[in-house]
Amino acid sequence: MKPKPQPSDAFELFQAHFDQLLNPKHELILLASKINWSGLEAAFVDTYCPDIGAPAKAVRLMVGLHCLKYALNESDESVVARWVENPYWQYFCGYTHMQHEWSTSSTAWPVSQRTQ
């Protein structure tokens, strides 16, 4: 299935927004601002089947994790483990609030051996 749009940028109750916490001069925040995420979403959206399969992860999450994995020479498992504990990685992948756990099982993580 095609990915659903990420939730709006509305503040979540009792959680600080990354804009309030993170250093705006950090390399991943600067890089995230230079990437044309909407262009990547438009390029990848046609690769998803609209009505078959489980709902897809957001394109920005998928592309962001691939970038982090290959730039930092991480394995599938280690990039997910580090993503959970690193707010800069989460921001880079399109999140606005800290995620304290990976939302799905590790078998559903978007980078698979088939893409290598």
Protein backbone atom coordinates (compact mmCIF):
# COMPACT_ATOMS: atom_id res chain seq x y z
CA MET A 1 0.00 0.00 0.00
CA LYS A 2 1.03 3.57 -0.47
CA PRO A 3 2.47 5.35 2.56
CA LYS A 4 0.11 7.50 4.56
CA PRO A 5 1.13 11.10 5.14
CA GLN A 6 2.97 11.66 8.39
CA PRO A 7 0.93 13.26 11.16
CA SER A 8 0.67 17.01 11.17
CA ASP A 9 3.21 19.16 12.92
CA ALA A 10 0.85 19.78 15.83
CA PHE A 11 2.37 19.63 19.28
CA GLU A 12 1.74 16.44 21.18
CA LEU A 13 0.54 16.87 24.72
CA PHE A 14 3.42 16.85 27.25
CA GLN A 15 6.13 16.41 24.60
CA ALA A 16 8.61 19.02 23.52
CA HIS A 17 8.87 19.67 19.80
CA PHE A 18 12.29 18.95 18.26
CA ASP A 19 12.47 22.59 17.15
CA GLN A 20 12.65 23.51 20.84
CA LEU A 21 15.31 20.94 21.73
CA LEU A 22 17.76 20.38 18.90
CA ASN A 23 20.67 22.50 17.74
CA PRO A 24 19.60 24.07 14.43
CA LYS A 25 23.25 24.07 13.29
CA HIS A 26 23.64 20.28 13.64
CA GLU A 27 24.78 18.65 10.40
CA LEU A 28 21.69 16.41 10.08
CA ILE A 29 19.29 19.32 10.57
CA LEU A 30 21.14 21.33 7.94
CA LEU A 31 21.22 18.36 5.56
CA ALA A 32 17.50 17.66 6.10
CA SER A 33 16.69 21.22 5.11
CA LYS A 34 18.60 20.84 1.83
CA ILE A 35 16.97 17.60 0.67
CA ASN A 36 13.91 17.86 -1.55
CA TRP A 37 11.77 15.42 0.45
CA SER A 38 8.58 16.14 -1.49
CA GLY A 39 10.43 15.42 -4.74
CA LEU A 40 11.58 12.07 -3.36
CA GLU A 41 8.04 11.26 -2.25
CA ALA A 42 6.73 12.08 -5.72
CA ALA A 43 9.43 9.91 -7.31
CA PHE A 44 8.71 6.89 -5.09
CA VAL A 45 4.92 7.07 -4.74
CA ASP A 46 4.28 5.21 -7.99
CA THR A 47 6.36 2.24 -6.80
CA TYR A 48 3.72 1.44 -4.17
CA CYS A 49 0.60 -0.56 -4.91
CA PRO A 50 -2.39 1.53 -3.82
CA ASP A 51 -4.49 -1.29 -2.34
CA ILE A 52 -2.43 -4.43 -1.74
CA GLY A 53 -0.20 -5.18 1.22
CA ALA A 54 0.48 -3.62 4.57
CA PRO A 55 0.58 0.17 4.81
CA ALA A 56 4.00 1.41 3.79
CA LYS A 57 6.34 3.44 5.94
CA ALA A 58 6.70 7.11 5.06
CA VAL A 59 9.06 7.74 2.15
CA ARG A 60 11.10 10.21 4.22
CA LEU A 61 11.61 7.58 6.93
CA MET A 62 12.67 4.98 4.38
CA VAL A 63 15.04 7.30 2.52
CA GLY A 64 16.39 8.83 5.72
CA LEU A 65 17.21 5.44 7.21
CA HIS A 66 18.93 4.37 4.01
CA CYS A 67 21.04 7.55 4.05
CA LEU A 68 22.02 7.03 7.68
CA LYS A 69 22.71 3.34 7.18
CA TYR A 70 25.08 3.80 4.26
CA ALA A 71 26.69 7.07 5.38
CA LEU A 72 27.56 5.63 8.77
CA ASN A 73 28.13 2.00 7.72
CA GLU A 74 25.39 0.60 9.96
CA SER A 75 23.56 -2.72 9.76
CA ASP A 76 19.76 -2.88 9.54
CA GLU A 77 19.51 -3.72 13.22
CA SER A 78 21.99 -1.11 14.41
CA VAL A 79 20.47 1.74 12.41
CA VAL A 80 17.07 1.03 14.00
CA ALA A 81 18.60 0.75 17.49
CA ARG A 82 20.49 4.02 17.06
CA TRP A 83 17.44 5.74 15.50
CA VAL A 84 15.42 5.04 18.65
CA GLU A 85 17.98 6.75 20.88
CA ASN A 86 19.01 9.62 18.60
CA PRO A 87 16.64 12.61 18.22
CA TYR A 88 18.73 14.06 15.37
CA TRP A 89 18.23 10.87 13.38
CA GLN A 90 14.49 10.96 14.09
CA TYR A 91 14.30 14.60 12.98
CA PHE A 92 16.24 13.74 9.81
CA CYS A 93 13.68 11.00 9.09
CA GLY A 94 10.75 13.40 9.42
CA TYR A 95 9.64 13.11 13.03
CA THR A 96 8.83 16.17 15.14
CA HIS A 97 8.72 14.52 18.58
CA MET A 98 10.89 11.93 20.30
CA GLN A 99 9.93 8.34 19.59
CA HIS A 100 10.94 6.05 22.45
CA GLU A 101 10.54 2.80 20.57
CA TRP A 102 10.44 1.50 17.02
CA SER A 103 6.81 1.36 15.95
CA THR A 104 6.93 -2.09 14.34
CA SER A 105 8.76 -5.36 14.65
CA SER A 106 12.31 -5.43 13.33
CA THR A 107 11.18 -7.69 10.50
CA ALA A 108 9.05 -4.85 9.14
CA TRP A 109 11.89 -2.36 8.96
CA PRO A 110 12.00 -0.74 5.54
CA VAL A 111 15.57 -1.55 4.51
CA SER A 112 15.70 -5.15 3.41
CA GLN A 113 18.45 -7.32 2.04
CA ARG A 114 16.74 -7.17 -1.35
CA THR A 115 17.64 -3.49 -1.75
CA GLN A 116 21.37 -3.93 -1.28
